[in-house]
Amino acid sequence: MIPLAADGEAVTARSNGEVWVVAWHPPPSPPDGQPHGAEGLCVTAHGEIVVVSRDGERWEFPAGRPEGAENWEETLRREVREEACANVVRTRLLGFTRGVCASGPDEGLVLVRSMWRADVKLAPWEPRFEISQRRLVPAERLVDELDVAALPFAAVNARMIHEAGMT
């Protein structure tokens, strides 16, 4: 069993050649930092979880950065539509992650991402952006299929899955 990140608990990991310290923050108010978009644990009407991949090897939840003046939820809805070819029917804010770059080219940068559960209706698979594959995973196999334990911020990802009611 993967331990869940506690509120404000620092989780340190390497990502893209940098060291990041990430912490979970409960809703409703985001912690201080630069808004860095939204990530959604997307659930179909049949209870399956939508995961996407650029390369067919690393699978993740749809996520991305805001465009223009989008708010957190608008970013989520657009990213899910673009990356997963799905329409968001209902959302629930699960929390926020706040990441501080401790070393590397972005040292000192503080990024905040909103984390959501999104109930979705799938559209036909017509990838047009950076994501090349979509897959549906039964909720009971999610942690193993995503290999959450191997992810750099496993405890934070486990917390998102738990908050979404998928454990």
N, C-alpha and C. Protein backbone atom coordinates (compact mmCIF):
# COMPACT_ATOMS: atom_id res chain seq x y z
N MET A 1 0.84 -1.19 0.00
CA MET A 1 0.00 0.00 0.00
C MET A 1 0.89 1.25 0.00
N ILE A 2 0.55 2.19 -0.85
CA ILE A 2 1.31 3.43 -0.97
C ILE A 2 0.82 4.40 0.10
N PRO A 3 1.71 4.99 0.88
CA PRO A 3 1.27 5.98 1.87
C PRO A 3 0.68 7.21 1.19
N LEU A 4 -0.31 7.80 1.82
CA LEU A 4 -0.94 9.01 1.28
C LEU A 4 -0.22 10.23 1.82
N ALA A 5 0.02 11.22 0.97
CA ALA A 5 0.61 12.48 1.42
C ALA A 5 -0.37 13.16 2.37
N ALA A 6 0.11 13.59 3.51
CA ALA A 6 -0.71 14.35 4.45
C ALA A 6 -0.76 15.80 3.99
N ASP A 7 -1.73 16.55 4.48
CA ASP A 7 -1.83 17.97 4.13
C ASP A 7 -0.51 18.68 4.43
N GLY A 8 0.05 19.33 3.40
CA GLY A 8 1.26 20.10 3.57
C GLY A 8 2.55 19.30 3.70
N GLU A 9 2.46 17.97 3.68
CA GLU A 9 3.65 17.12 3.82
C GLU A 9 4.52 17.22 2.57
N ALA A 10 5.80 17.48 2.76
CA ALA A 10 6.73 17.63 1.64
C ALA A 10 7.15 16.27 1.11
N VAL A 11 7.06 16.11 -0.21
CA VAL A 11 7.51 14.92 -0.91
C VAL A 11 8.55 15.40 -1.92
N THR A 12 9.76 14.86 -1.82
CA THR A 12 10.85 15.30 -2.68
C THR A 12 11.15 14.25 -3.74
N ALA A 13 11.34 14.71 -4.98
CA ALA A 13 11.66 13.78 -6.06
C ALA A 13 12.35 14.53 -7.19
N ARG A 14 13.05 13.74 -8.02
CA ARG A 14 13.68 14.29 -9.22
C ARG A 14 12.67 14.21 -10.36
N SER A 15 12.63 15.26 -11.15
CA SER A 15 11.75 15.29 -12.32
C SER A 15 12.41 16.15 -13.38
N ASN A 16 12.63 15.57 -14.54
CA ASN A 16 13.25 16.29 -15.67
C ASN A 16 14.56 16.96 -15.27
N GLY A 17 15.39 16.25 -14.50
CA GLY A 17 16.70 16.77 -14.13
C GLY A 17 16.70 17.80 -13.03
N GLU A 18 15.57 18.00 -12.39
CA GLU A 18 15.47 18.97 -11.29
C GLU A 18 14.98 18.26 -10.04
N VAL A 19 15.21 18.87 -8.90
CA VAL A 19 14.68 18.35 -7.64
C VAL A 19 13.50 19.23 -7.25
N TRP A 20 12.34 18.58 -7.06
CA TRP A 20 11.12 19.30 -6.68
C TRP A 20 10.64 18.82 -5.32
N VAL A 21 10.11 19.75 -4.55
CA VAL A 21 9.48 19.45 -3.27
C VAL A 21 8.01 19.80 -3.45
N VAL A 22 7.16 18.77 -3.38
CA VAL A 22 5.73 18.93 -3.67
C VAL A 22 4.93 18.58 -2.42
N ALA A 23 3.85 19.35 -2.19
CA ALA A 23 2.97 19.09 -1.04
C ALA A 23 1.52 19.16 -1.49
N TRP A 24 0.68 18.37 -0.83
CA TRP A 24 -0.76 18.35 -1.08
C TRP A 24 -1.42 19.41 -0.20
N HIS A 25 -2.39 20.13 -0.77
CA HIS A 25 -3.16 21.13 -0.02
C HIS A 25 -4.65 20.90 -0.30
N PRO A 26 -5.46 20.79 0.75
CA PRO A 26 -6.89 20.54 0.56
C PRO A 26 -7.60 21.77 -0.01
N PRO A 27 -8.78 21.57 -0.62
CA PRO A 27 -9.57 22.70 -1.10
C PRO A 27 -10.15 23.45 0.09
N PRO A 28 -10.68 24.64 -0.07
CA PRO A 28 -11.04 25.24 -1.35
C PRO A 28 -10.03 26.26 -1.87
N SER A 29 -9.12 26.75 -1.03
CA SER A 29 -8.24 27.84 -1.45
C SER A 29 -6.88 27.31 -1.88
N PRO A 30 -6.37 27.77 -3.03
CA PRO A 30 -5.05 27.33 -3.46
C PRO A 30 -3.95 27.96 -2.61
N PRO A 31 -2.84 27.25 -2.43
CA PRO A 31 -1.70 27.84 -1.73
C PRO A 31 -1.03 28.89 -2.62
N ASP A 32 -0.11 29.63 -2.05
CA ASP A 32 0.62 30.63 -2.82
C ASP A 32 1.49 29.96 -3.87
N GLY A 33 1.59 30.61 -5.03
CA GLY A 33 2.44 30.12 -6.10
C GLY A 33 1.83 30.46 -7.44
N GLN A 34 2.57 30.19 -8.50
CA GLN A 34 2.13 30.47 -9.86
C GLN A 34 1.15 29.39 -10.31
N PRO A 35 -0.07 29.76 -10.74
CA PRO A 35 -1.01 28.74 -11.23
C PRO A 35 -0.40 27.96 -12.39
N HIS A 36 -0.48 26.64 -12.26
CA HIS A 36 0.17 25.77 -13.25
C HIS A 36 -0.82 24.77 -13.85
N GLY A 37 -2.10 25.13 -13.82
CA GLY A 37 -3.07 24.31 -14.52
C GLY A 37 -3.86 23.36 -13.67
N ALA A 38 -4.34 22.32 -14.34
CA ALA A 38 -5.26 21.38 -13.73
C ALA A 38 -4.95 19.96 -14.18
N GLU A 39 -5.28 19.01 -13.30
CA GLU A 39 -5.14 17.59 -13.60
C GLU A 39 -6.42 16.90 -13.17
N GLY A 40 -6.92 15.98 -14.00
CA GLY A 40 -8.19 15.36 -13.69
C GLY A 40 -8.16 13.85 -13.68
N LEU A 41 -8.66 13.27 -12.61
CA LEU A 41 -8.91 11.84 -12.56
C LEU A 41 -10.30 11.68 -13.16
N CYS A 42 -10.36 11.20 -14.39
CA CYS A 42 -11.59 11.17 -15.17
C CYS A 42 -12.27 9.82 -15.07
N VAL A 43 -13.54 9.82 -14.69
CA VAL A 43 -14.30 8.61 -14.46
C VAL A 43 -15.47 8.55 -15.44
N THR A 44 -15.59 7.41 -16.15
CA THR A 44 -16.70 7.23 -17.10
C THR A 44 -17.96 6.80 -16.35
N ALA A 45 -19.07 6.78 -17.04
CA ALA A 45 -20.35 6.35 -16.45
C ALA A 45 -20.28 4.90 -15.97
N HIS A 46 -19.36 4.10 -16.53
CA HIS A 46 -19.21 2.71 -16.13
C HIS A 46 -18.16 2.53 -15.03
N GLY A 47 -17.64 3.65 -14.51
CA GLY A 47 -16.68 3.60 -13.42
C GLY A 47 -15.25 3.33 -13.83
N GLU A 48 -14.96 3.39 -15.12
CA GLU A 48 -13.59 3.20 -15.59
C GLU A 48 -12.85 4.54 -15.53
N ILE A 49 -11.54 4.47 -15.37
CA ILE A 49 -10.71 5.66 -15.29
C ILE A 49 -10.01 5.86 -16.63
N VAL A 50 -10.04 7.10 -17.11
CA VAL A 50 -9.41 7.44 -18.39
C VAL A 50 -7.97 7.86 -18.13
N VAL A 51 -7.04 7.18 -18.80
CA VAL A 51 -5.64 7.57 -18.74
C VAL A 51 -5.15 7.80 -20.16
N VAL A 52 -4.15 8.65 -20.29
CA VAL A 52 -3.64 9.02 -21.61
C VAL A 52 -2.13 8.87 -21.64
N SER A 53 -1.58 8.80 -22.87
CA SER A 53 -0.14 8.63 -23.01
C SER A 53 0.36 9.30 -24.29
N ARG A 54 1.56 9.83 -24.21
CA ARG A 54 2.24 10.37 -25.39
C ARG A 54 2.96 9.26 -26.17
N ASP A 55 3.41 8.22 -25.43
CA ASP A 55 4.28 7.21 -26.03
C ASP A 55 3.80 5.76 -25.86
N GLY A 56 2.68 5.54 -25.19
CA GLY A 56 2.19 4.19 -24.96
C GLY A 56 2.89 3.45 -23.84
N GLU A 57 3.84 4.12 -23.18
CA GLU A 57 4.58 3.51 -22.08
C GLU A 57 4.25 4.17 -20.75
N ARG A 58 4.25 5.47 -20.73
CA ARG A 58 3.96 6.23 -19.50
C ARG A 58 2.53 6.74 -19.58
N TRP A 59 1.70 6.27 -18.66
CA TRP A 59 0.28 6.63 -18.65
C TRP A 59 0.03 7.59 -17.51
N GLU A 60 -0.87 8.54 -17.74
CA GLU A 60 -1.15 9.57 -16.73
C GLU A 60 -2.57 10.08 -16.90
N PHE A 61 -2.97 10.92 -15.96
CA PHE A 61 -4.27 11.56 -16.05
C PHE A 61 -4.16 12.78 -16.96
N PRO A 62 -5.23 13.13 -17.67
CA PRO A 62 -5.20 14.34 -18.48
C PRO A 62 -4.87 15.56 -17.61
N ALA A 63 -3.99 16.41 -18.13
CA ALA A 63 -3.56 17.58 -17.36
C ALA A 63 -2.94 18.61 -18.29
N GLY A 64 -2.89 19.84 -17.83
CA GLY A 64 -2.22 20.86 -18.61
C GLY A 64 -2.30 22.23 -17.99
N ARG A 65 -1.68 23.15 -18.66
CA ARG A 65 -1.56 24.53 -18.19
C ARG A 65 -2.69 25.39 -18.72
N PRO A 66 -2.97 26.49 -18.02
CA PRO A 66 -4.04 27.38 -18.49
C PRO A 66 -3.65 28.11 -19.78
N GLU A 67 -4.65 28.45 -20.55
CA GLU A 67 -4.47 29.28 -21.73
C GLU A 67 -5.26 30.56 -21.51
N GLY A 68 -4.63 31.69 -21.81
CA GLY A 68 -5.30 32.98 -21.63
C GLY A 68 -5.72 33.19 -20.19
N ALA A 69 -6.96 33.61 -20.01
CA ALA A 69 -7.49 33.93 -18.68
C ALA A 69 -8.30 32.78 -18.08
N GLU A 70 -8.08 31.55 -18.53
CA GLU A 70 -8.84 30.43 -18.00
C GLU A 70 -8.67 30.29 -16.49
N ASN A 71 -9.76 29.90 -15.82
CA ASN A 71 -9.65 29.57 -14.40
C ASN A 71 -9.31 28.08 -14.28
N TRP A 72 -9.18 27.60 -13.05
CA TRP A 72 -8.79 26.21 -12.82
C TRP A 72 -9.71 25.22 -13.55
N GLU A 73 -11.02 25.38 -13.36
CA GLU A 73 -11.96 24.42 -13.94
C GLU A 73 -12.03 24.53 -15.46
N GLU A 74 -11.95 25.72 -15.99
CA GLU A 74 -11.94 25.88 -17.45
C GLU A 74 -10.73 25.18 -18.07
N THR A 75 -9.60 25.28 -17.40
CA THR A 75 -8.40 24.59 -17.88
C THR A 75 -8.63 23.08 -17.87
N LEU A 76 -9.18 22.56 -16.78
CA LEU A 76 -9.47 21.13 -16.70
C LEU A 76 -10.36 20.69 -17.85
N ARG A 77 -11.47 21.39 -18.06
CA ARG A 77 -12.43 21.00 -19.10
C ARG A 77 -11.78 20.99 -20.49
N ARG A 78 -10.98 22.00 -20.80
CA ARG A 78 -10.33 22.06 -22.11
C ARG A 78 -9.30 20.94 -22.26
N GLU A 79 -8.48 20.74 -21.23
CA GLU A 79 -7.44 19.71 -21.32
C GLU A 79 -8.05 18.31 -21.46
N VAL A 80 -9.12 18.03 -20.74
CA VAL A 80 -9.78 16.72 -20.86
C VAL A 80 -10.34 16.55 -22.27
N ARG A 81 -10.92 17.60 -22.81
CA ARG A 81 -11.46 17.54 -24.17
C ARG A 81 -10.33 17.31 -25.19
N GLU A 82 -9.22 18.04 -25.04
CA GLU A 82 -8.11 17.94 -25.98
C GLU A 82 -7.34 16.63 -25.84
N GLU A 83 -7.00 16.25 -24.63
CA GLU A 83 -6.12 15.10 -24.41
C GLU A 83 -6.85 13.77 -24.38
N ALA A 84 -8.05 13.73 -23.82
CA ALA A 84 -8.76 12.47 -23.65
C ALA A 84 -9.96 12.31 -24.58
N CYS A 85 -10.24 13.33 -25.40
CA CYS A 85 -11.43 13.30 -26.25
C CYS A 85 -12.66 12.92 -25.41
N ALA A 86 -12.86 13.68 -24.35
CA ALA A 86 -13.98 13.44 -23.44
C ALA A 86 -14.54 14.78 -22.98
N ASN A 87 -15.82 14.77 -22.67
CA ASN A 87 -16.48 15.96 -22.18
C ASN A 87 -16.77 15.81 -20.69
N VAL A 88 -16.42 16.83 -19.93
CA VAL A 88 -16.64 16.80 -18.49
C VAL A 88 -18.11 17.07 -18.20
N VAL A 89 -18.72 16.15 -17.46
CA VAL A 89 -20.13 16.26 -17.09
C VAL A 89 -20.27 16.91 -15.71
N ARG A 90 -19.36 16.53 -14.80
CA ARG A 90 -19.41 17.02 -13.42
C ARG A 90 -17.99 17.04 -12.87
N THR A 91 -17.71 18.02 -12.01
CA THR A 91 -16.37 18.09 -11.41
C THR A 91 -16.47 18.19 -9.89
N ARG A 92 -15.36 17.79 -9.28
CA ARG A 92 -15.20 18.00 -7.83
C ARG A 92 -13.72 18.30 -7.59
N LEU A 93 -13.46 19.46 -7.01
CA LEU A 93 -12.09 19.84 -6.68
C LEU A 93 -11.61 18.98 -5.52
N LEU A 94 -10.50 18.27 -5.74
CA LEU A 94 -9.95 17.37 -4.72
C LEU A 94 -8.92 18.07 -3.85
N GLY A 95 -8.20 19.02 -4.45
CA GLY A 95 -7.14 19.71 -3.73
C GLY A 95 -6.19 20.37 -4.70
N PHE A 96 -5.02 20.73 -4.17
CA PHE A 96 -3.99 21.39 -4.95
C PHE A 96 -2.65 20.77 -4.62
N THR A 97 -1.74 20.81 -5.58
CA THR A 97 -0.35 20.48 -5.29
C THR A 97 0.45 21.76 -5.44
N ARG A 98 1.40 21.93 -4.55
CA ARG A 98 2.30 23.09 -4.60
C ARG A 98 3.71 22.55 -4.69
N GLY A 99 4.37 22.85 -5.80
CA GLY A 99 5.72 22.36 -6.02
C GLY A 99 6.73 23.49 -6.00
N VAL A 100 7.83 23.26 -5.29
CA VAL A 100 8.92 24.23 -5.23
C VAL A 100 10.14 23.56 -5.84
N CYS A 101 10.74 24.19 -6.84
CA CYS A 101 11.95 23.64 -7.44
C CYS A 101 13.12 23.94 -6.51
N ALA A 102 13.71 22.87 -5.96
CA ALA A 102 14.80 23.02 -4.98
C ALA A 102 16.17 23.12 -5.65
N SER A 103 16.30 22.54 -6.84
CA SER A 103 17.57 22.68 -7.57
C SER A 103 17.34 22.39 -9.04
N GLY A 104 18.15 23.03 -9.85
CA GLY A 104 18.04 22.88 -11.29
C GLY A 104 17.79 24.24 -11.93
N PRO A 105 17.57 24.27 -13.23
CA PRO A 105 17.38 25.53 -13.94
C PRO A 105 16.21 26.39 -13.42
N ASP A 106 15.18 25.74 -12.88
CA ASP A 106 14.01 26.48 -12.39
C ASP A 106 14.05 26.70 -10.88
N GLU A 107 15.22 26.58 -10.26
CA GLU A 107 15.34 26.71 -8.80
C GLU A 107 14.61 27.94 -8.30
N GLY A 108 13.78 27.73 -7.27
CA GLY A 108 13.01 28.82 -6.67
C GLY A 108 11.62 28.98 -7.25
N LEU A 109 11.35 28.38 -8.40
CA LEU A 109 10.02 28.46 -9.02
C LEU A 109 9.01 27.73 -8.14
N VAL A 110 7.83 28.34 -7.94
CA VAL A 110 6.77 27.73 -7.14
C VAL A 110 5.53 27.60 -8.03
N LEU A 111 5.11 26.35 -8.28
CA LEU A 111 3.97 26.08 -9.16
C LEU A 111 2.83 25.42 -8.38
N VAL A 112 1.60 25.83 -8.68
CA VAL A 112 0.42 25.26 -8.04
C VAL A 112 -0.49 24.67 -9.11
N ARG A 113 -0.91 23.43 -8.90
CA ARG A 113 -1.81 22.76 -9.84
C ARG A 113 -3.06 22.32 -9.10
N SER A 114 -4.22 22.51 -9.73
CA SER A 114 -5.48 22.05 -9.16
C SER A 114 -5.70 20.60 -9.56
N MET A 115 -6.24 19.81 -8.63
CA MET A 115 -6.45 18.38 -8.83
C MET A 115 -7.95 18.10 -8.70
N TRP A 116 -8.50 17.39 -9.67
CA TRP A 116 -9.95 17.21 -9.78
C TRP A 116 -10.35 15.76 -9.98
N ARG A 117 -11.59 15.47 -9.58
CA ARG A 117 -12.29 14.28 -10.08
C ARG A 117 -13.25 14.84 -11.12
N ALA A 118 -13.23 14.25 -12.30
CA ALA A 118 -14.11 14.69 -13.38
C ALA A 118 -14.89 13.49 -13.89
N ASP A 119 -16.21 13.56 -13.78
CA ASP A 119 -17.05 12.54 -14.40
C ASP A 119 -17.18 12.95 -15.86
N VAL A 120 -16.90 12.01 -16.76
CA VAL A 120 -16.81 12.35 -18.18
C VAL A 120 -17.67 11.47 -19.06
N LYS A 121 -17.98 12.02 -20.23
CA LYS A 121 -18.62 11.26 -21.31
C LYS A 121 -17.62 11.21 -22.45
N LEU A 122 -17.25 10.00 -22.84
CA LEU A 122 -16.25 9.84 -23.90
C LEU A 122 -16.80 10.26 -25.25
N ALA A 123 -15.96 10.90 -26.03
CA ALA A 123 -16.25 11.23 -27.42
C ALA A 123 -15.42 10.27 -28.27
N PRO A 124 -15.67 10.22 -29.57
CA PRO A 124 -14.83 9.37 -30.41
C PRO A 124 -13.35 9.75 -30.27
N TRP A 125 -12.48 8.74 -30.32
CA TRP A 125 -11.05 8.97 -30.16
C TRP A 125 -10.48 9.55 -31.46
N GLU A 126 -10.18 10.83 -31.41
CA GLU A 126 -9.61 11.55 -32.55
C GLU A 126 -8.49 12.45 -32.03
N PRO A 127 -7.33 11.87 -31.68
CA PRO A 127 -6.24 12.66 -31.10
C PRO A 127 -5.72 13.70 -32.10
N ARG A 128 -5.60 14.95 -31.60
CA ARG A 128 -5.11 16.03 -32.45
C ARG A 128 -3.99 16.80 -31.78
N PHE A 129 -3.67 16.46 -30.56
CA PHE A 129 -2.66 17.21 -29.82
C PHE A 129 -1.52 16.28 -29.45
N GLU A 130 -0.83 16.56 -28.35
CA GLU A 130 0.38 15.81 -28.00
C GLU A 130 0.12 14.38 -27.52
N ILE A 131 -1.10 14.08 -27.14
CA ILE A 131 -1.44 12.76 -26.63
C ILE A 131 -1.79 11.85 -27.81
N SER A 132 -1.16 10.65 -27.83
CA SER A 132 -1.40 9.75 -28.96
C SER A 132 -2.28 8.56 -28.60
N GLN A 133 -2.48 8.31 -27.28
CA GLN A 133 -3.25 7.14 -26.89
C GLN A 133 -4.12 7.43 -25.67
N ARG A 134 -5.27 6.73 -25.66
CA ARG A 134 -6.21 6.81 -24.53
C ARG A 134 -6.57 5.37 -24.18
N ARG A 135 -6.74 5.15 -22.88
CA ARG A 135 -7.10 3.82 -22.42
C ARG A 135 -8.02 3.94 -21.23
N LEU A 136 -8.89 2.96 -21.04
CA LEU A 136 -9.78 2.91 -19.89
C LEU A 136 -9.30 1.82 -18.95
N VAL A 137 -9.21 2.16 -17.67
CA VAL A 137 -8.70 1.23 -16.67
C VAL A 137 -9.78 1.01 -15.61
N PRO A 138 -10.09 -0.24 -15.29
CA PRO A 138 -11.04 -0.48 -14.20
C PRO A 138 -10.49 0.14 -12.91
N ALA A 139 -11.37 0.77 -12.14
CA ALA A 139 -10.94 1.47 -10.92
C ALA A 139 -10.13 0.59 -9.99
N GLU A 140 -10.50 -0.68 -9.86
CA GLU A 140 -9.80 -1.56 -8.92
C GLU A 140 -8.38 -1.90 -9.39
N ARG A 141 -8.05 -1.62 -10.64
CA ARG A 141 -6.69 -1.90 -11.14
C ARG A 141 -5.88 -0.62 -11.37
N LEU A 142 -6.44 0.52 -11.03
CA LEU A 142 -5.80 1.80 -11.34
C LEU A 142 -4.39 1.93 -10.77
N VAL A 143 -4.21 1.66 -9.49
CA VAL A 143 -2.90 1.84 -8.85
C VAL A 143 -1.84 0.97 -9.51
N ASP A 144 -2.20 -0.27 -9.85
CA ASP A 144 -1.24 -1.16 -10.50
C ASP A 144 -1.00 -0.79 -11.96
N GLU A 145 -2.05 -0.48 -12.68
CA GLU A 145 -1.93 -0.15 -14.11
C GLU A 145 -1.09 1.11 -14.32
N LEU A 146 -1.25 2.09 -13.43
CA LEU A 146 -0.45 3.31 -13.55
C LEU A 146 0.93 3.15 -12.92
N ASP A 147 1.12 2.07 -12.18
CA ASP A 147 2.35 1.84 -11.42
C ASP A 147 2.64 3.07 -10.55
N VAL A 148 1.62 3.46 -9.78
CA VAL A 148 1.70 4.66 -8.95
C VAL A 148 2.91 4.63 -8.02
N ALA A 149 3.24 3.45 -7.50
CA ALA A 149 4.38 3.36 -6.57
C ALA A 149 5.69 3.80 -7.21
N ALA A 150 5.80 3.68 -8.53
CA ALA A 150 7.03 4.05 -9.23
C ALA A 150 7.06 5.52 -9.64
N LEU A 151 5.95 6.23 -9.51
CA LEU A 151 5.91 7.63 -9.91
C LEU A 151 6.73 8.48 -8.93
N PRO A 152 7.34 9.56 -9.42
CA PRO A 152 8.18 10.38 -8.54
C PRO A 152 7.44 10.90 -7.30
N PHE A 153 6.20 11.25 -7.45
CA PHE A 153 5.43 11.81 -6.34
C PHE A 153 4.31 10.84 -5.96
N ALA A 154 4.68 9.58 -5.70
CA ALA A 154 3.71 8.51 -5.46
C ALA A 154 2.70 8.86 -4.36
N ALA A 155 3.17 9.40 -3.24
CA ALA A 155 2.26 9.70 -2.13
C ALA A 155 1.25 10.78 -2.49
N VAL A 156 1.65 11.73 -3.33
CA VAL A 156 0.72 12.79 -3.77
C VAL A 156 -0.29 12.21 -4.75
N ASN A 157 0.18 11.37 -5.67
CA ASN A 157 -0.75 10.72 -6.61
C ASN A 157 -1.71 9.79 -5.87
N ALA A 158 -1.21 9.08 -4.87
CA ALA A 158 -2.07 8.21 -4.08
C ALA A 158 -3.14 9.03 -3.35
N ARG A 159 -2.77 10.20 -2.88
CA ARG A 159 -3.74 11.08 -2.19
C ARG A 159 -4.84 11.52 -3.15
N MET A 160 -4.46 11.87 -4.39
CA MET A 160 -5.46 12.27 -5.38
C MET A 160 -6.44 11.13 -5.65
N ILE A 161 -5.91 9.93 -5.83
CA ILE A 161 -6.75 8.76 -6.09
C ILE A 161 -7.68 8.51 -4.91
N HIS A 162 -7.16 8.63 -3.70
CA HIS A 162 -7.96 8.43 -2.49
C HIS A 162 -9.07 9.50 -2.39
N GLU A 163 -8.70 10.77 -2.59
CA GLU A 163 -9.69 11.85 -2.50
C GLU A 163 -10.80 11.71 -3.54
N ALA A 164 -10.46 11.10 -4.68
CA ALA A 164 -11.46 10.89 -5.74
C ALA A 164 -12.36 9.70 -5.45
N GLY A 165 -12.08 8.97 -4.35
CA GLY A 165 -12.91 7.83 -3.98
C GLY A 165 -12.61 6.58 -4.80
N MET A 166 -11.39 6.47 -5.30
CA MET A 166 -11.03 5.36 -6.16
C MET A 166 -10.15 4.32 -5.47
N THR A 167 -10.10 4.33 -4.12
CA THR A 167 -9.29 3.33 -3.41
C THR A 167 -10.19 2.39 -2.66
